[in-house]
PDB file of N, CA and C in Angstrom:
ATOM      1  N   MET A   1     -89.290 -89.016  43.056  1.00  0.00           N
ATOM      2  CA  MET A   1     -87.691 -88.920  42.623  1.00  0.00           C
ATOM      3  C   MET A   1     -87.435 -89.650  41.646  1.00  0.00           C
ATOM      4  N   GLU A   2     -87.823 -90.167  41.219  1.00  0.00           N
ATOM      5  CA  GLU A   2     -87.723 -91.036  39.863  1.00  0.00           C
ATOM      6  C   GLU A   2     -87.687 -90.374  38.929  1.00  0.00           C
ATOM      7  N   ASP A   3     -88.745 -89.337  38.832  1.00  0.00           N
ATOM      8  CA  ASP A   3     -89.338 -88.112  37.775  1.00  0.00           C
ATOM      9  C   ASP A   3     -87.918 -87.308  37.447  1.00  0.00           C
ATOM     10  N   ALA A   4     -87.619 -87.157  38.731  1.00  0.00           N
ATOM     11  CA  ALA A   4     -86.694 -85.977  38.977  1.00  0.00           C
ATOM     12  C   ALA A   4     -85.156 -86.448  38.167  1.00  0.00           C
ATOM     13  N   TYR A   5     -85.198 -87.496  38.751  1.00  0.00           N
ATOM     14  CA  TYR A   5     -83.466 -88.485  38.122  1.00  0.00           C
ATOM     15  C   TYR A   5     -83.723 -88.418  36.955  1.00  0.00           C
ATOM     16  N   GLN A   6     -84.662 -88.899  36.153  1.00  0.00           N
ATOM     17  CA  GLN A   6     -84.925 -89.105  34.857  1.00  0.00           C
ATOM     18  C   GLN A   6     -84.508 -87.713  33.998  1.00  0.00           C
ATOM     19  N   LYS A   7     -85.690 -86.820  34.388  1.00  0.00           N
ATOM     20  CA  LYS A   7     -84.987 -85.361  34.096  1.00  0.00           C
ATOM     21  C   LYS A   7     -83.813 -85.218  33.643  1.00  0.00           C
ATOM     22  N   ALA A   8     -82.885 -85.367  35.130  1.00  0.00           N
ATOM     23  CA  ALA A   8     -81.580 -85.043  34.952  1.00  0.00           C
ATOM     24  C   ALA A   8     -80.855 -85.624  34.110  1.00  0.00           C
ATOM     25  N   GLN A   9     -80.904 -87.188  34.081  1.00  0.00           N
ATOM     26  CA  GLN A   9     -80.265 -88.232  33.063  1.00  0.00           C
ATOM     27  C   GLN A   9     -80.318 -87.671  31.518  1.00  0.00           C
ATOM     28  N   LYS A  10     -81.712 -87.272  31.418  1.00  0.00           N
ATOM     29  CA  LYS A  10     -82.287 -86.754  30.160  1.00  0.00           C
ATOM     30  C   LYS A  10     -81.299 -85.496  29.736  1.00  0.00           C
ATOM     31  N   GLY A  11     -81.600 -84.588  30.740  1.00  0.00           N
ATOM     32  CA  GLY A  11     -80.666 -83.149  30.417  1.00  0.00           C
ATOM     33  C   GLY A  11     -79.306 -83.434  30.026  1.00  0.00           C
ATOM     34  N   MET A  12     -78.571 -84.433  30.827  1.00  0.00           N
ATOM     35  CA  MET A  12     -76.950 -84.612  30.968  1.00  0.00           C
ATOM     36  C   MET A  12     -76.856 -85.274  29.387  1.00  0.00           C
ATOM     37  N   ALA A  13     -77.691 -86.265  29.018  1.00  0.00           N
ATOM     38  CA  ALA A  13     -77.840 -86.766  27.785  1.00  0.00           C
ATOM     39  C   ALA A  13     -77.744 -85.849  26.777  1.00  0.00           C
ATOM     40  N   TYR A  14     -78.411 -84.585  26.481  1.00  0.00           N
ATOM     41  CA  TYR A  14     -78.610 -83.574  25.654  1.00  0.00           C
ATOM     42  C   TYR A  14     -77.654 -82.627  25.235  1.00  0.00           C
ATOM     43  N   LEU A  15     -77.197 -82.448  26.863  1.00  0.00           N
ATOM     44  CA  LEU A  15     -75.974 -81.858  26.657  1.00  0.00           C
ATOM     45  C   LEU A  15     -74.649 -82.042  26.324  1.00  0.00           C
ATOM     46  N   LYS A  16     -74.338 -83.996  26.677  1.00  0.00           N
ATOM     47  CA  LYS A  16     -73.469 -84.391  26.193  1.00  0.00           C
ATOM     48  C   LYS A  16     -73.268 -84.592  24.503  1.00  0.00           C
ATOM     49  N   SER A  17     -74.668 -84.472  24.135  1.00  0.00           N
ATOM     50  CA  SER A  17     -75.208 -84.841  22.332  1.00  0.00           C
ATOM     51  C   SER A  17     -74.817 -83.275  22.022  1.00  0.00           C
ATOM     52  N   ALA A  18     -75.044 -82.086  22.776  1.00  0.00           N
ATOM     53  CA  ALA A  18     -74.591 -80.843  21.931  1.00  0.00           C
ATOM     54  C   ALA A  18     -73.013 -80.648  22.026  1.00  0.00           C
ATOM     55  N   ILE A  19     -72.506 -81.519  22.948  1.00  0.00           N
ATOM     56  CA  ILE A  19     -70.943 -81.046  22.789  1.00  0.00           C
ATOM     57  C   ILE A  19     -70.677 -81.974  21.915  1.00  0.00           C
ATOM     58  N   TYR A  20     -70.749 -82.967  21.538  1.00  0.00           N
ATOM     59  CA  TYR A  20     -70.648 -84.063  20.647  1.00  0.00           C
ATOM     60  C   TYR A  20     -70.719 -83.210  19.020  1.00  0.00           C
ATOM     61  N   ILE A  21     -71.628 -82.621  18.831  1.00  0.00           N
ATOM     62  CA  ILE A  21     -72.091 -81.725  18.037  1.00  0.00           C
ATOM     63  C   ILE A  21     -71.172 -80.977  17.517  1.00  0.00           C
ATOM     64  N   VAL A  22     -71.110 -80.155  18.520  1.00  0.00           N
ATOM     65  CA  VAL A  22     -70.261 -78.768  18.442  1.00  0.00           C
ATOM     66  C   VAL A  22     -68.569 -79.120  18.117  1.00  0.00           C
ATOM     67  N   LEU A  23     -68.238 -80.551  18.743  1.00  0.00           N
ATOM     68  CA  LEU A  23     -66.581 -80.877  18.261  1.00  0.00           C
ATOM     69  C   LEU A  23     -66.685 -81.525  17.128  1.00  0.00           C
ATOM     70  N   SER A  24     -67.920 -82.371  16.625  1.00  0.00           N
ATOM     71  CA  SER A  24     -67.720 -82.519  15.207  1.00  0.00           C
ATOM     72  C   SER A  24     -67.742 -81.693  14.348  1.00  0.00           C
ATOM     73  N   ASN A  25     -68.460 -80.316  14.347  1.00  0.00           N
ATOM     74  CA  ASN A  25     -68.032 -79.194  13.758  1.00  0.00           C
ATOM     75  C   ASN A  25     -66.817 -78.452  13.965  1.00  0.00           C
ATOM     76  N   ALA A  26     -65.998 -78.631  14.755  1.00  0.00           N
ATOM     77  CA  ALA A  26     -64.676 -77.758  14.977  1.00  0.00           C
ATOM     78  C   ALA A  26     -63.753 -78.086  14.471  1.00  0.00           C
ATOM     79  N   PRO A  27     -62.797 -77.158  14.339  1.00  0.00           N
ATOM     80  CA  PRO A  27     -61.571 -77.376  13.720  1.00  0.00           C
ATOM     81  C   PRO A  27     -60.809 -78.598  13.926  1.00  0.00           C
ATOM     82  N   GLU A  28     -59.769 -79.079  13.249  1.00  0.00           N
ATOM     83  CA  GLU A  28     -59.127 -80.329  13.114  1.00  0.00           C
ATOM     84  C   GLU A  28     -58.788 -80.360  14.434  1.00  0.00           C
ATOM     85  N   GLU A  29     -57.739 -79.255  15.103  1.00  0.00           N
ATOM     86  CA  GLU A  29     -57.237 -79.336  16.405  1.00  0.00           C
ATOM     87  C   GLU A  29     -58.355 -79.309  17.565  1.00  0.00           C
ATOM     88  N   GLY A  30     -59.348 -79.153  17.266  1.00  0.00           N
ATOM     89  CA  GLY A  30     -60.234 -79.195  18.526  1.00  0.00           C
ATOM     90  C   GLY A  30     -60.471 -77.928  18.711  1.00  0.00           C
ATOM     91  N   LEU A  31     -61.373 -78.068  20.149  1.00  0.00           N
ATOM     92  CA  LEU A  31     -61.518 -76.714  20.529  1.00  0.00           C
ATOM     93  C   LEU A  31     -61.674 -76.372  22.474  1.00  0.00           C
ATOM     94  N   ARG A  32     -61.337 -75.245  22.927  1.00  0.00           N
ATOM     95  CA  ARG A  32     -60.778 -75.468  23.841  1.00  0.00           C
ATOM     96  C   ARG A  32     -62.304 -75.389  25.239  1.00  0.00           C
ATOM     97  N   ASN A  33     -62.062 -75.655  26.119  1.00  0.00           N
ATOM     98  CA  ASN A  33     -63.180 -75.737  27.072  1.00  0.00           C
ATOM     99  C   ASN A  33     -63.991 -74.696  27.168  1.00  0.00           C
ATOM    100  N   VAL A  34     -63.332 -73.276  27.170  1.00  0.00           N
ATOM    101  CA  VAL A  34     -64.288 -72.116  26.958  1.00  0.00           C
ATOM    102  C   VAL A  34     -65.044 -71.768  26.171  1.00  0.00           C
ATOM    103  N   ASN A  35     -64.794 -72.291  24.398  1.00  0.00           N
ATOM    104  CA  ASN A  35     -65.025 -72.258  23.256  1.00  0.00           C
ATOM    105  C   ASN A  35     -66.428 -73.175  23.141  1.00  0.00           C
ATOM    106  N   ILE A  36     -66.300 -74.358  23.807  1.00  0.00           N
ATOM    107  CA  ILE A  36     -67.654 -74.902  23.808  1.00  0.00           C
ATOM    108  C   ILE A  36     -68.270 -74.645  24.608  1.00  0.00           C
ATOM    109  N   GLY A  37     -68.062 -74.355  25.806  1.00  0.00           N
ATOM    110  CA  GLY A  37     -69.077 -73.772  26.663  1.00  0.00           C
ATOM    111  C   GLY A  37     -69.388 -72.629  26.136  1.00  0.00           C
ATOM    112  N   ARG A  38     -68.768 -71.518  25.729  1.00  0.00           N
ATOM    113  CA  ARG A  38     -69.620 -70.406  25.288  1.00  0.00           C
ATOM    114  C   ARG A  38     -70.357 -70.900  24.366  1.00  0.00           C
ATOM    115  N   THR A  39     -70.591 -71.639  23.165  1.00  0.00           N
ATOM    116  CA  THR A  39     -70.845 -71.687  22.391  1.00  0.00           C
ATOM    117  C   THR A  39     -71.937 -72.265  22.612  1.00  0.00           C
ATOM    118  N   LEU A  40     -72.338 -73.094  23.682  1.00  0.00           N
ATOM    119  CA  LEU A  40     -73.206 -73.673  23.938  1.00  0.00           C
ATOM    120  C   LEU A  40     -74.205 -72.690  25.282  1.00  0.00           C
ATOM    121  N   GLY A  41     -73.535 -71.931  25.833  1.00  0.00           N
ATOM    122  CA  GLY A  41     -74.200 -70.870  26.467  1.00  0.00           C
ATOM    123  C   GLY A  41     -74.165 -71.717  28.118  1.00  0.00           C
ATOM    124  N   ILE A  42     -72.994 -72.458  28.404  1.00  0.00           N
ATOM    125  CA  ILE A  42     -72.992 -73.161  29.660  1.00  0.00           C
ATOM    126  C   ILE A  42     -71.921 -72.626  30.219  1.00  0.00           C
ATOM    127  N   TYR A  43     -71.205 -71.839  29.795  1.00  0.00           N
ATOM    128  CA  TYR A  43     -69.610 -71.399  30.309  1.00  0.00           C
ATOM    129  C   TYR A  43     -69.882 -70.356  31.188  1.00  0.00           C
ATOM    130  N   SER A  44     -70.313 -71.147  32.750  1.00  0.00           N
ATOM    131  CA  SER A  44     -70.821 -69.982  33.881  1.00  0.00           C
ATOM    132  C   SER A  44     -70.082 -71.054  35.640  1.00  0.00           C
ATOM    133  N   GLY A  45     -70.284 -70.184  36.267  1.00  0.00           N
ATOM    134  CA  GLY A  45     -69.782 -70.396  37.431  1.00  0.00           C
ATOM    135  C   GLY A  45     -69.380 -69.095  37.987  1.00  0.00           C
ATOM    136  N   HIS A  46     -69.012 -69.404  39.645  1.00  0.00           N
ATOM    137  CA  HIS A  46     -68.782 -68.120  40.365  1.00  0.00           C
ATOM    138  C   HIS A  46     -67.407 -67.690  40.145  1.00  0.00           C
ATOM    139  N   ILE A  47     -67.295 -66.099  40.587  1.00  0.00           N
ATOM    140  CA  ILE A  47     -65.695 -66.049  39.984  1.00  0.00           C
ATOM    141  C   ILE A  47     -64.602 -66.877  40.182  1.00  0.00           C
ATOM    142  N   GLY A  48     -63.483 -66.936  39.154  1.00  0.00           N
ATOM    143  CA  GLY A  48     -62.585 -68.052  39.601  1.00  0.00           C
ATOM    144  C   GLY A  48     -62.552 -69.086  39.102  1.00  0.00           C
ATOM    145  N   HIS A  49     -64.062 -69.848  38.899  1.00  0.00           N
ATOM    146  CA  HIS A  49     -63.952 -71.234  38.671  1.00  0.00           C
ATOM    147  C   HIS A  49     -65.461 -70.952  37.557  1.00  0.00           C
ATOM    148  N   GLU A  50     -64.971 -70.413  36.732  1.00  0.00           N
ATOM    149  CA  GLU A  50     -66.407 -70.390  35.642  1.00  0.00           C
ATOM    150  C   GLU A  50     -65.640 -71.793  34.737  1.00  0.00           C
ATOM    151  N   GLY A  51     -66.613 -72.005  34.088  1.00  0.00           N
ATOM    152  CA  GLY A  51     -66.468 -73.230  33.080  1.00  0.00           C
ATOM    153  C   GLY A  51     -66.838 -74.723  33.550  1.00  0.00           C
ATOM    154  N   HIS A  52     -67.138 -74.794  35.349  1.00  0.00           N
ATOM    155  CA  HIS A  52     -67.048 -76.143  35.508  1.00  0.00           C
ATOM    156  C   HIS A  52     -68.088 -76.986  34.514  1.00  0.00           C
ATOM    157  N   ILE A  53     -69.340 -76.166  34.488  1.00  0.00           N
ATOM    158  CA  ILE A  53     -70.209 -77.131  33.662  1.00  0.00           C
ATOM    159  C   ILE A  53     -69.673 -77.976  32.393  1.00  0.00           C
ATOM    160  N   PRO A  54     -68.874 -77.172  31.380  1.00  0.00           N
ATOM    161  CA  PRO A  54     -68.818 -78.010  30.068  1.00  0.00           C
ATOM    162  C   PRO A  54     -67.352 -78.488  30.385  1.00  0.00           C
ATOM    163  N   ARG A  55     -66.576 -78.349  31.811  1.00  0.00           N
ATOM    164  CA  ARG A  55     -65.294 -79.068  32.017  1.00  0.00           C
ATOM    165  C   ARG A  55     -65.745 -80.390  32.639  1.00  0.00           C
ATOM    166  N   THR A  56     -66.781 -80.623  33.441  1.00  0.00           N
ATOM    167  CA  THR A  56     -67.331 -81.399  34.098  1.00  0.00           C
ATOM    168  C   THR A  56     -67.877 -82.806  33.196  1.00  0.00           C
ATOM    169  N   LEU A  57     -68.541 -82.313  31.927  1.00  0.00           N
ATOM    170  CA  LEU A  57     -68.910 -82.609  30.762  1.00  0.00           C
ATOM    171  C   LEU A  57     -68.234 -83.375  29.890  1.00  0.00           C
ATOM    172  N   LEU A  58     -66.986 -82.822  29.948  1.00  0.00           N
ATOM    173  CA  LEU A  58     -66.380 -83.413  28.927  1.00  0.00           C
ATOM    174  C   LEU A  58     -65.444 -84.356  29.516  1.00  0.00           C
ATOM    175  N   ALA A  59     -65.474 -84.372  30.924  1.00  0.00           N
ATOM    176  CA  ALA A  59     -64.539 -85.069  31.862  1.00  0.00           C
ATOM    177  C   ALA A  59     -65.190 -86.665  31.668  1.00  0.00           C
ATOM    178  N   ILE A  60     -66.682 -86.750  31.879  1.00  0.00           N
ATOM    179  CA  ILE A  60     -67.499 -87.734  31.596  1.00  0.00           C
ATOM    180  C   ILE A  60     -67.285 -88.219  30.371  1.00  0.00           C
ATOM    181  N   MET A  61     -67.443 -87.574  29.262  1.00  0.00           N
ATOM    182  CA  MET A  61     -67.444 -87.978  28.129  1.00  0.00           C
ATOM    183  C   MET A  61     -65.906 -88.648  27.958  1.00  0.00           C
ATOM    184  N   GLU A  62     -64.769 -88.174  28.225  1.00  0.00           N
ATOM    185  CA  GLU A  62     -63.718 -88.895  28.350  1.00  0.00           C
ATOM    186  C   GLU A  62     -63.678 -89.902  28.986  1.00  0.00           C
ATOM    187  N   ASN A  63     -64.197 -90.347  30.241  1.00  0.00           N
ATOM    188  CA  ASN A  63     -64.017 -91.365  30.557  1.00  0.00           C
ATOM    189  C   ASN A  63     -64.435 -92.358  29.831  1.00  0.00           C
ATOM    190  N   GLU A  64     -65.867 -92.077  29.209  1.00  0.00           N
ATOM    191  CA  GLU A  64     -66.677 -92.942  28.137  1.00  0.00           C
ATOM    192  C   GLU A  64     -65.969 -93.291  27.010  1.00  0.00           C
ATOM    193  N   GLY A  65     -64.786 -92.730  26.651  1.00  0.00           N
ATOM    194  CA  GLY A  65     -63.885 -92.809  25.689  1.00  0.00           C
ATOM    195  C   GLY A  65     -64.423 -91.952  24.112  1.00  0.00           C
ATOM    196  N   ILE A  66     -65.312 -91.106  24.700  1.00  0.00           N
ATOM    197  CA  ILE A  66     -65.864 -90.191  23.353  1.00  0.00           C
ATOM    198  C   ILE A  66     -64.690 -89.082  23.059  1.00  0.00           C
ATOM    199  N   VAL A  67     -64.380 -88.448  23.721  1.00  0.00           N
ATOM    200  CA  VAL A  67     -63.624 -87.271  23.503  1.00  0.00           C
ATOM    201  C   VAL A  67     -62.205 -87.330  24.226  1.00  0.00           C
ATOM    202  N   LYS A  68     -61.101 -86.563  23.826  1.00  0.00           N
ATOM    203  CA  LYS A  68     -60.038 -86.542  24.755  1.00  0.00           C
ATOM    204  C   LYS A  68     -59.544 -85.148  24.446  1.00  0.00           C
ATOM    205  N   GLN A  69     -58.478 -85.052  25.416  1.00  0.00           N
ATOM    206  CA  GLN A  69     -58.044 -83.062  25.569  1.00  0.00           C
ATOM    207  C   GLN A  69     -56.695 -83.554  25.380  1.00  0.00           C
ATOM    208  N   ASN A  70     -56.385 -82.632  24.003  1.00  0.00           N
ATOM    209  CA  ASN A  70     -54.684 -82.815  24.045  1.00  0.00           C
ATOM    210  C   ASN A  70     -53.798 -81.954  24.856  1.00  0.00           C
ATOM    211  N   SER A  71     -52.904 -82.727  25.608  1.00  0.00           N
ATOM    212  CA  SER A  71     -52.072 -82.044  26.570  1.00  0.00           C
ATOM    213  C   SER A  71     -51.379 -80.828  26.678  1.00  0.00           C
ATOM    214  N   SER A  72     -50.804 -80.530  24.977  1.00  0.00           N
ATOM    215  CA  SER A  72     -50.211 -79.490  24.951  1.00  0.00           C
ATOM    216  C   SER A  72     -51.115 -78.601  24.171  1.00  0.00           C
ATOM    217  N   ASN A  73     -52.235 -78.194  23.833  1.00  0.00           N
ATOM    218  CA  ASN A  73     -52.788 -77.035  23.730  1.00  0.00           C
ATOM    219  C   ASN A  73     -54.460 -77.147  24.448  1.00  0.00           C
ATOM    220  N   LYS A  74     -54.272 -77.859  25.330  1.00  0.00           N
ATOM    221  CA  LYS A  74     -55.637 -78.155  25.837  1.00  0.00           C
ATOM    222  C   LYS A  74     -56.931 -78.048  25.371  1.00  0.00           C
ATOM    223  N   LYS A  75     -57.144 -78.458  23.871  1.00  0.00           N
ATOM    224  CA  LYS A  75     -58.016 -78.330  23.095  1.00  0.00           C
ATOM    225  C   LYS A  75     -58.639 -80.299  22.863  1.00  0.00           C
ATOM    226  N   TRP A  76     -60.036 -79.949  22.994  1.00  0.00           N
ATOM    227  CA  TRP A  76     -60.429 -81.168  23.398  1.00  0.00           C
ATOM    228  C   TRP A  76     -61.382 -81.896  21.776  1.00  0.00           C
ATOM    229  N   GLN A  77     -61.136 -83.123  21.658  1.00  0.00           N
ATOM    230  CA  GLN A  77     -61.428 -83.702  20.095  1.00  0.00           C
ATOM    231  C   GLN A  77     -62.523 -84.688  20.402  1.00  0.00           C
ATOM    232  N   ILE A  78     -62.957 -85.036  18.960  1.00  0.00           N
ATOM    233  CA  ILE A  78     -63.772 -86.668  19.061  1.00  0.00           C
ATOM    234  C   ILE A  78     -62.740 -87.551  18.906  1.00  0.00           C
ATOM    235  N   ILE A  79     -62.465 -88.850  19.595  1.00  0.00           N
ATOM    236  CA  ILE A  79     -61.890 -89.699  19.643  1.00  0.00           C
ATOM    237  C   ILE A  79     -62.387 -90.631  18.240  1.00  0.00           C
ATOM    238  N   LYS A  80     -62.113 -90.420  17.065  1.00  0.00           N
ATOM    239  CA  LYS A  80     -62.342 -91.091  15.687  1.00  0.00           C
ATOM    240  C   LYS A  80     -61.493 -92.602  15.924  1.00  0.00           C
ATOM    241  N   TYR A  81     -62.873 -93.345  15.416  1.00  0.00           N
ATOM    242  CA  TYR A  81     -62.389 -95.232  15.345  1.00  0.00           C
ATOM    243  C   TYR A  81     -62.170 -95.382  14.114  1.00  0.00           C
ATOM    244  N   SER A  82     -61.421 -96.292  13.503  1.00  0.00           N
ATOM    245  CA  SER A  82     -61.360 -96.643  12.569  1.00  0.00           C
ATOM    246  C   SER A  82     -61.914 -98.010  12.420  1.00  0.00           C
ATOM    247  N   GLY A  83     -63.036 -98.282  12.047  1.00  0.00           N
ATOM    248  CA  GLY A  83     -63.091 -99.667  12.105  1.00  0.00           C
ATOM    249  C   GLY A  83     -64.240-100.550  11.075  1.00  0.00           C
TER     250      GLY A  83
END
């Protein structure tokens, strides 16, 4: 079971890293969930629930303080720190 857990964690890390790269190269106003998911080929799910994969990962990254969603346009951006 440890091997499966480690593989899952590594996969999550790779996906989060890929999202970070996509957002790093995005326009200043950011990208919508659908654009991020389609760019990475992970915009899927059953009818009416497409996009759960990228949305879940974005929520995790938001809780980690890495990304934020603009509430007015629903676009995601990297949180830039000045320091």
